[in-house]
Amino acid sequence: GSIAEVKDILDRLVHSADAGMRISIRRPSLDDVFLALTGEEKE
């Protein structure tokens, strides 16, 4: 969530992304929690 970390990720993605791709930022969801805690996608 730090500005420096987000900026670093955005810089790396901008250089590797193809034309037509776009970047968005969102808050974590329960999907992210489930994956982080169980190592599995939601069922």
All heavy atoms as atom14 arrays in JSON, in Angstrom:
{
  "sequence": "GSIAEVKDILDRLVHSADAGMRISIRRPSLDDVFLALTGEEKE",
  "atom14_mask": [
    [1, 1, 1, 1, 0, 0, 0, 0, 0, 0, 0, 0, 0, 0],
    [1, 1, 1, 1, 1, 1, 0, 0, 0, 0, 0, 0, 0, 0],
    [1, 1, 1, 1, 1, 1, 1, 1, 0, 0, 0, 0, 0, 0],
    [1, 1, 1, 1, 1, 0, 0, 0, 0, 0, 0, 0, 0, 0],
    [1, 1, 1, 1, 1, 1, 1, 1, 1, 0, 0, 0, 0, 0],
    [1, 1, 1, 1, 1, 1, 1, 0, 0, 0, 0, 0, 0, 0],
    [1, 1, 1, 1, 1, 1, 1, 1, 1, 0, 0, 0, 0, 0],
    [1, 1, 1, 1, 1, 1, 1, 1, 0, 0, 0, 0, 0, 0],
    [1, 1, 1, 1, 1, 1, 1, 1, 0, 0, 0, 0, 0, 0],
    [1, 1, 1, 1, 1, 1, 1, 1, 0, 0, 0, 0, 0, 0],
    [1, 1, 1, 1, 1, 1, 1, 1, 0, 0, 0, 0, 0, 0],
    [1, 1, 1, 1, 1, 1, 1, 1, 1, 1, 1, 0, 0, 0],
    [1, 1, 1, 1, 1, 1, 1, 1, 0, 0, 0, 0, 0, 0],
    [1, 1, 1, 1, 1, 1, 1, 0, 0, 0, 0, 0, 0, 0],
    [1, 1, 1, 1, 1, 1, 1, 1, 1, 1, 0, 0, 0, 0],
    [1, 1, 1, 1, 1, 1, 0, 0, 0, 0, 0, 0, 0, 0],
    [1, 1, 1, 1, 1, 0, 0, 0, 0, 0, 0, 0, 0, 0],
    [1, 1, 1, 1, 1, 1, 1, 1, 0, 0, 0, 0, 0, 0],
    [1, 1, 1, 1, 1, 0, 0, 0, 0, 0, 0, 0, 0, 0],
    [1, 1, 1, 1, 0, 0, 0, 0, 0, 0, 0, 0, 0, 0],
    [1, 1, 1, 1, 1, 1, 1, 1, 0, 0, 0, 0, 0, 0],
    [1, 1, 1, 1, 1, 1, 1, 1, 1, 1, 1, 0, 0, 0],
    [1, 1, 1, 1, 1, 1, 1, 1, 0, 0, 0, 0, 0, 0],
    [1, 1, 1, 1, 1, 1, 0, 0, 0, 0, 0, 0, 0, 0],
    [1, 1, 1, 1, 1, 1, 1, 1, 0, 0, 0, 0, 0, 0],
    [1, 1, 1, 1, 1, 1, 1, 1, 1, 1, 1, 0, 0, 0],
    [1, 1, 1, 1, 1, 1, 1, 1, 1, 1, 1, 0, 0, 0],
    [1, 1, 1, 1, 1, 1, 1, 0, 0, 0, 0, 0, 0, 0],
    [1, 1, 1, 1, 1, 1, 0, 0, 0, 0, 0, 0, 0, 0],
    [1, 1, 1, 1, 1, 1, 1, 1, 0, 0, 0, 0, 0, 0],
    [1, 1, 1, 1, 1, 1, 1, 1, 0, 0, 0, 0, 0, 0],
    [1, 1, 1, 1, 1, 1, 1, 1, 0, 0, 0, 0, 0, 0],
    [1, 1, 1, 1, 1, 1, 1, 0, 0, 0, 0, 0, 0, 0],
    [1, 1, 1, 1, 1, 1, 1, 1, 1, 1, 1, 0, 0, 0],
    [1, 1, 1, 1, 1, 1, 1, 1, 0, 0, 0, 0, 0, 0],
    [1, 1, 1, 1, 1, 0, 0, 0, 0, 0, 0, 0, 0, 0],
    [1, 1, 1, 1, 1, 1, 1, 1, 0, 0, 0, 0, 0, 0],
    [1, 1, 1, 1, 1, 1, 1, 0, 0, 0, 0, 0, 0, 0],
    [1, 1, 1, 1, 0, 0, 0, 0, 0, 0, 0, 0, 0, 0],
    [1, 1, 1, 1, 1, 1, 1, 1, 1, 0, 0, 0, 0, 0],
    [1, 1, 1, 1, 1, 1, 1, 1, 1, 0, 0, 0, 0, 0],
    [1, 1, 1, 1, 1, 1, 1, 1, 1, 0, 0, 0, 0, 0],
    [1, 1, 1, 1, 1, 1, 1, 1, 1, 0, 0, 0, 0, 0]
  ],
  "atom14_positions": [
    [[0.79, -1.23, 0.0], [0.0, 0.0, 0.0], [0.82, 1.27, 0.0], [0.26, 2.36, -0.14], [0.0, 0.0, 0.0], [0.0, 0.0, 0.0], [0.0, 0.0, 0.0], [0.0, 0.0, 0.0], [0.0, 0.0, 0.0], [0.0, 0.0, 0.0], [0.0, 0.0, 0.0], [0.0, 0.0, 0.0], [0.0, 0.0, 0.0], [0.0, 0.0, 0.0]],
    [[2.16, 1.18, 0.13], [2.97, 2.4, 0.16], [3.07, 2.98, -1.25], [3.04, 2.25, -2.25], [4.37, 2.11, 0.7], [5.1, 1.32, -0.22], [0.0, 0.0, 0.0], [0.0, 0.0, 0.0], [0.0, 0.0, 0.0], [0.0, 0.0, 0.0], [0.0, 0.0, 0.0], [0.0, 0.0, 0.0], [0.0, 0.0, 0.0], [0.0, 0.0, 0.0]],
    [[3.21, 4.3, -1.33], [3.31, 4.98, -2.62], [4.53, 4.47, -3.39], [4.46, 4.22, -4.6], [3.39, 6.51, -2.42], [2.06, 7.03, -1.86], [3.72, 7.2, -3.74], [2.08, 8.5, -1.52], [0.0, 0.0, 0.0], [0.0, 0.0, 0.0], [0.0, 0.0, 0.0], [0.0, 0.0, 0.0], [0.0, 0.0, 0.0], [0.0, 0.0, 0.0]],
    [[5.65, 4.3, -2.69], [6.88, 3.87, -3.35], [6.72, 2.48, -3.96], [7.17, 2.24, -5.09], [8.03, 3.86, -2.34], [0.0, 0.0, 0.0], [0.0, 0.0, 0.0], [0.0, 0.0, 0.0], [0.0, 0.0, 0.0], [0.0, 0.0, 0.0], [0.0, 0.0, 0.0], [0.0, 0.0, 0.0], [0.0, 0.0, 0.0], [0.0, 0.0, 0.0]],
    [[6.06, 1.56, -3.23], [5.89, 0.2, -3.73], [4.96, 0.17, -4.93], [5.24, -0.49, -5.94], [5.36, -0.71, -2.62], [5.28, -2.18, -3.05], [4.8, -3.08, -1.92], [4.58, -2.58, -0.8], [4.64, -4.29, -2.18], [0.0, 0.0, 0.0], [0.0, 0.0, 0.0], [0.0, 0.0, 0.0], [0.0, 0.0, 0.0], [0.0, 0.0, 0.0]],
    [[3.86, 0.92, -4.84], [2.91, 0.95, -5.96], [3.57, 1.57, -7.19], [3.42, 1.08, -8.31], [1.63, 1.73, -5.56], [0.73, 1.94, -6.78], [0.86, 0.99, -4.47], [0.0, 0.0, 0.0], [0.0, 0.0, 0.0], [0.0, 0.0, 0.0], [0.0, 0.0, 0.0], [0.0, 0.0, 0.0], [0.0, 0.0, 0.0], [0.0, 0.0, 0.0]],
    [[4.32, 2.65, -6.99], [5.01, 3.31, -8.11], [6.01, 2.36, -8.77], [6.1, 2.31, -10.0], [5.73, 4.57, -7.62], [6.44, 5.35, -8.72], [7.08, 6.6, -8.18], [7.72, 7.39, -9.31], [8.77, 6.63, -10.03], [0.0, 0.0, 0.0], [0.0, 0.0, 0.0], [0.0, 0.0, 0.0], [0.0, 0.0, 0.0], [0.0, 0.0, 0.0]],
    [[6.75, 1.6, -7.96], [7.73, 0.66, -8.5], [7.06, -0.4, -9.37], [7.52, -0.71, -10.47], [8.51, 0.0, -7.36], [9.54, -0.98, -7.88], [10.47, -0.55, -8.6], [9.41, -2.18, -7.57], [0.0, 0.0, 0.0], [0.0, 0.0, 0.0], [0.0, 0.0, 0.0], [0.0, 0.0, 0.0], [0.0, 0.0, 0.0], [0.0, 0.0, 0.0]],
    [[5.93, -0.94, -8.9], [5.19, -1.95, -9.66], [4.66, -1.36, -10.96], [4.76, -1.97, -12.04], [4.04, -2.53, -8.82], [4.62, -3.35, -7.66], [3.11, -3.38, -9.67], [3.58, -3.79, -6.65], [0.0, 0.0, 0.0], [0.0, 0.0, 0.0], [0.0, 0.0, 0.0], [0.0, 0.0, 0.0], [0.0, 0.0, 0.0], [0.0, 0.0, 0.0]],
    [[4.1, -0.15, -10.87], [3.55, 0.5, -12.07], [4.65, 0.76, -13.1], [4.44, 0.54, -14.3], [2.86, 1.81, -11.69], [1.59, 1.69, -10.84], [1.05, 3.08, -10.51], [0.53, 0.89, -11.58], [0.0, 0.0, 0.0], [0.0, 0.0, 0.0], [0.0, 0.0, 0.0], [0.0, 0.0, 0.0], [0.0, 0.0, 0.0], [0.0, 0.0, 0.0]],
    [[5.81, 1.19, -12.64], [6.92, 1.45, -13.57], [7.32, 0.17, -14.29], [7.55, 0.17, -15.51], [8.12, 2.01, -12.8], [7.92, 3.44, -12.34], [7.01, 4.1, -12.89], [8.64, 3.89, -11.43], [0.0, 0.0, 0.0], [0.0, 0.0, 0.0], [0.0, 0.0, 0.0], [0.0, 0.0, 0.0], [0.0, 0.0, 0.0], [0.0, 0.0, 0.0]],
    [[7.38, -0.95, -13.56], [7.79, -2.22, -14.16], [6.74, -2.72, -15.15], [7.06, -3.24, -16.22], [8.05, -3.26, -13.08], [9.37, -3.04, -12.36], [9.73, -4.19, -11.42], [9.0, -4.12, -10.17], [8.11, -5.0, -9.75], [7.8, -6.04, -10.51], [7.51, -4.86, -8.59], [0.0, 0.0, 0.0], [0.0, 0.0, 0.0], [0.0, 0.0, 0.0]],
    [[5.47, -2.55, -14.79], [4.4, -3.01, -15.67], [4.31, -2.17, -16.93], [4.04, -2.69, -18.02], [3.07, -2.99, -14.93], [2.86, -4.07, -13.86], [1.52, -3.87, -13.15], [2.92, -5.46, -14.47], [0.0, 0.0, 0.0], [0.0, 0.0, 0.0], [0.0, 0.0, 0.0], [0.0, 0.0, 0.0], [0.0, 0.0, 0.0], [0.0, 0.0, 0.0]],
    [[4.52, -0.89, -16.8], [4.45, 0.0, -17.96], [5.47, -0.41, -19.02], [5.19, -0.41, -20.22], [4.67, 1.48, -17.54], [4.97, 2.34, -18.77], [3.45, 2.01, -16.81], [0.0, 0.0, 0.0], [0.0, 0.0, 0.0], [0.0, 0.0, 0.0], [0.0, 0.0, 0.0], [0.0, 0.0, 0.0], [0.0, 0.0, 0.0], [0.0, 0.0, 0.0]],
    [[6.65, -0.81, -18.58], [7.71, -1.18, -19.52], [7.49, -2.56, -20.15], [8.01, -2.84, -21.22], [9.07, -1.15, -18.81], [9.55, 0.24, -18.51], [9.48, 0.81, -17.26], [10.08, 1.19, -19.32], [9.96, 2.03, -17.29], [10.34, 2.29, -18.54], [0.0, 0.0, 0.0], [0.0, 0.0, 0.0], [0.0, 0.0, 0.0], [0.0, 0.0, 0.0]],
    [[6.73, -3.41, -19.47], [6.55, -4.78, -19.99], [5.19, -4.99, -20.63], [4.99, -6.0, -21.31], [6.73, -5.79, -18.84], [5.74, -5.59, -17.84], [0.0, 0.0, 0.0], [0.0, 0.0, 0.0], [0.0, 0.0, 0.0], [0.0, 0.0, 0.0], [0.0, 0.0, 0.0], [0.0, 0.0, 0.0], [0.0, 0.0, 0.0], [0.0, 0.0, 0.0]],
    [[4.26, -4.08, -20.46], [2.91, -4.26, -20.98], [2.84, -4.04, -22.49], [3.57, -3.21, -23.04], [1.95, -3.3, -20.27], [0.0, 0.0, 0.0], [0.0, 0.0, 0.0], [0.0, 0.0, 0.0], [0.0, 0.0, 0.0], [0.0, 0.0, 0.0], [0.0, 0.0, 0.0], [0.0, 0.0, 0.0], [0.0, 0.0, 0.0], [0.0, 0.0, 0.0]],
    [[1.96, -4.79, -23.15], [1.75, -4.62, -24.59], [0.77, -3.48, -24.83], [0.04, -3.04, -23.94], [1.18, -5.91, -25.19], [2.17, -7.07, -25.08], [3.39, -6.81, -25.09], [1.69, -8.22, -24.97], [0.0, 0.0, 0.0], [0.0, 0.0, 0.0], [0.0, 0.0, 0.0], [0.0, 0.0, 0.0], [0.0, 0.0, 0.0], [0.0, 0.0, 0.0]],
    [[0.72, -3.04, -26.07], [-0.23, -2.0, -26.45], [-1.65, -2.5, -26.22], [-1.97, -3.65, -26.49], [-0.02, -1.63, -27.92], [0.0, 0.0, 0.0], [0.0, 0.0, 0.0], [0.0, 0.0, 0.0], [0.0, 0.0, 0.0], [0.0, 0.0, 0.0], [0.0, 0.0, 0.0], [0.0, 0.0, 0.0], [0.0, 0.0, 0.0], [0.0, 0.0, 0.0]],
    [[-2.49, -1.64, -25.74], [-3.89, -2.0, -25.49], [-4.14, -2.46, -24.08], [-5.3, -2.55, -23.65], [0.0, 0.0, 0.0], [0.0, 0.0, 0.0], [0.0, 0.0, 0.0], [0.0, 0.0, 0.0], [0.0, 0.0, 0.0], [0.0, 0.0, 0.0], [0.0, 0.0, 0.0], [0.0, 0.0, 0.0], [0.0, 0.0, 0.0], [0.0, 0.0, 0.0]],
    [[-3.08, -2.79, -23.36], [-3.25, -3.19, -21.96], [-3.44, -1.97, -21.08], [-3.01, -0.86, -21.41], [-2.04, -3.99, -21.47], [-1.93, -5.37, -22.08], [-0.58, -6.31, -21.34], [-0.77, -7.88, -22.19], [0.0, 0.0, 0.0], [0.0, 0.0, 0.0], [0.0, 0.0, 0.0], [0.0, 0.0, 0.0], [0.0, 0.0, 0.0], [0.0, 0.0, 0.0]],
    [[-4.09, -2.18, -19.93], [-4.26, -1.08, -18.99], [-4.07, -1.58, -17.56], [-4.17, -2.77, -17.29], [-5.63, -0.41, -19.15], [-6.81, -1.24, -18.75], [-8.11, -0.49, -19.05], [-9.28, -1.21, -18.57], [-9.76, -1.11, -17.34], [-9.16, -0.33, -16.45], [-10.81, -1.8, -16.97], [0.0, 0.0, 0.0], [0.0, 0.0, 0.0], [0.0, 0.0, 0.0]],
    [[-3.8, -0.65, -16.69], [-3.51, -0.96, -15.29], [-4.57, -0.33, -14.4], [-5.01, 0.81, -14.64], [-2.11, -0.44, -14.9], [-1.03, -1.23, -15.65], [-1.89, -0.54, -13.39], [0.36, -0.62, -15.51], [0.0, 0.0, 0.0], [0.0, 0.0, 0.0], [0.0, 0.0, 0.0], [0.0, 0.0, 0.0], [0.0, 0.0, 0.0], [0.0, 0.0, 0.0]],
    [[-5.01, -1.06, -13.38], [-5.95, -0.51, -12.4], [-5.5, -0.91, -11.01], [-4.74, -1.86, -10.83], [-7.37, -1.0, -12.67], [-7.44, -2.42, -12.56], [0.0, 0.0, 0.0], [0.0, 0.0, 0.0], [0.0, 0.0, 0.0], [0.0, 0.0, 0.0], [0.0, 0.0, 0.0], [0.0, 0.0, 0.0], [0.0, 0.0, 0.0], [0.0, 0.0, 0.0]],
    [[-5.96, -0.17, -10.01], [-5.63, -0.44, -8.61], [-6.93, -0.58, -7.83], [-7.84, 0.22, -7.99], [-4.78, 0.7, -8.01], [-3.48, 0.86, -8.79], [-4.46, 0.42, -6.53], [-2.64, 2.04, -8.34], [0.0, 0.0, 0.0], [0.0, 0.0, 0.0], [0.0, 0.0, 0.0], [0.0, 0.0, 0.0], [0.0, 0.0, 0.0], [0.0, 0.0, 0.0]],
    [[-7.02, -1.64, -7.01], [-8.22, -1.85, -6.22], [-7.86, -2.3, -4.82], [-6.74, -2.69, -4.54], [-9.12, -2.92, -6.88], [-8.47, -4.29, -6.97], [-9.47, -5.34, -7.38], [-8.84, -6.65, -7.61], [-8.5, -7.49, -6.66], [-8.7, -7.18, -5.36], [-7.95, -8.67, -6.94], [0.0, 0.0, 0.0], [0.0, 0.0, 0.0], [0.0, 0.0, 0.0]],
    [[-8.86, -2.22, -3.93], [-8.69, -2.72, -2.58], [-8.74, -4.24, -2.59], [-9.35, -4.85, -3.48], [-9.8, -2.19, -1.68], [-9.8, -0.69, -1.5], [-8.61, -0.22, -0.68], [-8.67, -0.73, 0.69], [-7.66, -0.71, 1.54], [-6.49, -0.23, 1.15], [-7.8, -1.18, 2.77], [0.0, 0.0, 0.0], [0.0, 0.0, 0.0], [0.0, 0.0, 0.0]],
    [[-8.12, -4.91, -1.63], [-8.18, -6.38, -1.57], [-9.61, -6.87, -1.39], [-10.45, -6.2, -0.76], [-7.34, -6.72, -0.33], [-6.45, -5.54, -0.12], [-7.26, -4.35, -0.57], [0.0, 0.0, 0.0], [0.0, 0.0, 0.0], [0.0, 0.0, 0.0], [0.0, 0.0, 0.0], [0.0, 0.0, 0.0], [0.0, 0.0, 0.0], [0.0, 0.0, 0.0]],
    [[-9.92, -8.03, -1.96], [-11.22, -8.66, -1.83], [-11.08, -9.95, -1.03], [-9.97, -10.4, -0.74], [-11.79, -8.99, -3.22], [-11.01, -10.0, -3.83], [0.0, 0.0, 0.0], [0.0, 0.0, 0.0], [0.0, 0.0, 0.0], [0.0, 0.0, 0.0], [0.0, 0.0, 0.0], [0.0, 0.0, 0.0], [0.0, 0.0, 0.0], [0.0, 0.0, 0.0]],
    [[-12.21, -10.58, -0.72], [-12.15, -11.87, -0.03], [-11.52, -12.94, -0.93], [-10.97, -13.91, -0.43], [-13.54, -12.31, 0.4], [-14.06, -11.71, 1.7], [-15.43, -12.3, 2.04], [-13.1, -11.96, 2.85], [0.0, 0.0, 0.0], [0.0, 0.0, 0.0], [0.0, 0.0, 0.0], [0.0, 0.0, 0.0], [0.0, 0.0, 0.0], [0.0, 0.0, 0.0]],
    [[-11.6, -12.75, -2.25], [-10.92, -13.68, -3.16], [-9.42, -13.69, -2.87], [-8.78, -14.75, -2.81], [-11.13, -13.25, -4.63], [-12.56, -13.28, -5.06], [-13.39, -12.69, -4.34], [-12.85, -13.87, -6.1], [0.0, 0.0, 0.0], [0.0, 0.0, 0.0], [0.0, 0.0, 0.0], [0.0, 0.0, 0.0], [0.0, 0.0, 0.0], [0.0, 0.0, 0.0]],
    [[-8.84, -12.49, -2.68], [-7.42, -12.38, -2.39], [-7.09, -13.03, -1.04], [-6.06, -13.7, -0.89], [-7.0, -10.91, -2.36], [-7.31, -10.19, -3.66], [-6.95, -10.71, -4.73], [-7.94, -9.12, -3.61], [0.0, 0.0, 0.0], [0.0, 0.0, 0.0], [0.0, 0.0, 0.0], [0.0, 0.0, 0.0], [0.0, 0.0, 0.0], [0.0, 0.0, 0.0]],
    [[-7.98, -12.82, -0.07], [-7.78, -13.42, 1.26], [-7.78, -14.94, 1.15], [-6.91, -15.62, 1.69], [-8.88, -12.96, 2.24], [-8.73, -13.68, 3.57], [-8.84, -11.46, 2.44], [0.0, 0.0, 0.0], [0.0, 0.0, 0.0], [0.0, 0.0, 0.0], [0.0, 0.0, 0.0], [0.0, 0.0, 0.0], [0.0, 0.0, 0.0], [0.0, 0.0, 0.0]],
    [[-8.78, -15.47, 0.45], [-8.92, -16.92, 0.32], [-7.69, -17.53, -0.34], [-7.16, -18.54, 0.12], [-10.18, -17.23, -0.48], [-10.6, -18.67, -0.43], [-11.38, -19.14, 0.62], [-10.22, -19.56, -1.42], [-11.77, -20.46, 0.68], [-10.6, -20.89, -1.36], [-11.39, -21.34, -0.3], [0.0, 0.0, 0.0], [0.0, 0.0, 0.0], [0.0, 0.0, 0.0]],
    [[-7.23, -16.91, -1.4], [-6.05, -17.41, -2.1], [-4.8, -17.33, -1.22], [-4.01, -18.27, -1.15], [-5.82, -16.62, -3.39], [-4.61, -17.01, -4.24], [-4.7, -18.46, -4.66], [-4.5, -16.1, -5.44], [0.0, 0.0, 0.0], [0.0, 0.0, 0.0], [0.0, 0.0, 0.0], [0.0, 0.0, 0.0], [0.0, 0.0, 0.0], [0.0, 0.0, 0.0]],
    [[-4.65, -16.22, -0.49], [-3.46, -16.04, 0.35], [-3.43, -17.03, 1.51], [-2.37, -17.53, 1.88], [-3.43, -14.61, 0.89], [0.0, 0.0, 0.0], [0.0, 0.0, 0.0], [0.0, 0.0, 0.0], [0.0, 0.0, 0.0], [0.0, 0.0, 0.0], [0.0, 0.0, 0.0], [0.0, 0.0, 0.0], [0.0, 0.0, 0.0], [0.0, 0.0, 0.0]],
    [[-4.6, -17.34, 2.06], [-4.66, -18.19, 3.25], [-4.66, -19.68, 2.93], [-4.16, -20.49, 3.71], [-5.91, -17.85, 4.07], [-5.92, -16.47, 4.74], [-7.27, -16.2, 5.37], [-4.81, -16.36, 5.78], [0.0, 0.0, 0.0], [0.0, 0.0, 0.0], [0.0, 0.0, 0.0], [0.0, 0.0, 0.0], [0.0, 0.0, 0.0], [0.0, 0.0, 0.0]],
    [[-5.26, -20.07, 1.81], [-5.42, -21.49, 1.51], [-4.58, -21.95, 0.34], [-4.43, -23.17, 0.13], [-6.89, -21.82, 1.2], [-7.26, -21.22, -0.05], [-7.82, -21.31, 2.29], [0.0, 0.0, 0.0], [0.0, 0.0, 0.0], [0.0, 0.0, 0.0], [0.0, 0.0, 0.0], [0.0, 0.0, 0.0], [0.0, 0.0, 0.0], [0.0, 0.0, 0.0]],
    [[-4.07, -21.01, -0.46], [-3.3, -21.39, -1.64], [-4.16, -21.91, -2.75], [-3.69, -22.48, -3.73], [0.0, 0.0, 0.0], [0.0, 0.0, 0.0], [0.0, 0.0, 0.0], [0.0, 0.0, 0.0], [0.0, 0.0, 0.0], [0.0, 0.0, 0.0], [0.0, 0.0, 0.0], [0.0, 0.0, 0.0], [0.0, 0.0, 0.0], [0.0, 0.0, 0.0]],
    [[-5.51, -21.72, -2.62], [-6.45, -22.19, -3.65], [-7.32, -21.05, -4.11], [-7.62, -20.13, -3.37], [-7.33, -23.32, -3.1], [-6.55, -24.52, -2.64], [-7.44, -25.73, -2.46], [-8.51, -25.77, -3.13], [-7.1, -26.62, -1.68], [0.0, 0.0, 0.0], [0.0, 0.0, 0.0], [0.0, 0.0, 0.0], [0.0, 0.0, 0.0], [0.0, 0.0, 0.0]],
    [[-7.75, -21.14, -5.39], [-8.7, -20.17, -5.9], [-10.03, -20.41, -5.24], [-10.32, -21.48, -4.72], [-8.84, -20.3, -7.42], [-7.56, -20.07, -8.19], [-7.13, -18.62, -8.19], [-7.93, -17.75, -7.77], [-5.99, -18.34, -8.6], [0.0, 0.0, 0.0], [0.0, 0.0, 0.0], [0.0, 0.0, 0.0], [0.0, 0.0, 0.0], [0.0, 0.0, 0.0]],
    [[-10.9, -19.4, -5.24], [-12.26, -19.61, -4.72], [-12.92, -20.72, -5.52], [-12.66, -20.91, -6.71], [-13.08, -18.31, -4.81], [-13.22, -17.76, -6.23], [-14.02, -16.48, -6.2], [-14.12, -15.91, -7.62], [-14.95, -14.71, -7.69], [0.0, 0.0, 0.0], [0.0, 0.0, 0.0], [0.0, 0.0, 0.0], [0.0, 0.0, 0.0], [0.0, 0.0, 0.0]],
    [[-13.81, -21.46, -4.89], [-14.34, -22.67, -5.48], [-15.39, -22.43, -6.56], [-15.49, -23.13, -7.54], [-14.95, -23.54, -4.37], [-13.9, -23.97, -3.36], [-14.5, -24.48, -2.09], [-15.72, -24.73, -2.07], [-13.78, -24.63, -1.1], [0.0, 0.0, 0.0], [0.0, 0.0, 0.0], [0.0, 0.0, 0.0], [0.0, 0.0, 0.0], [0.0, 0.0, 0.0]]
  ]
}
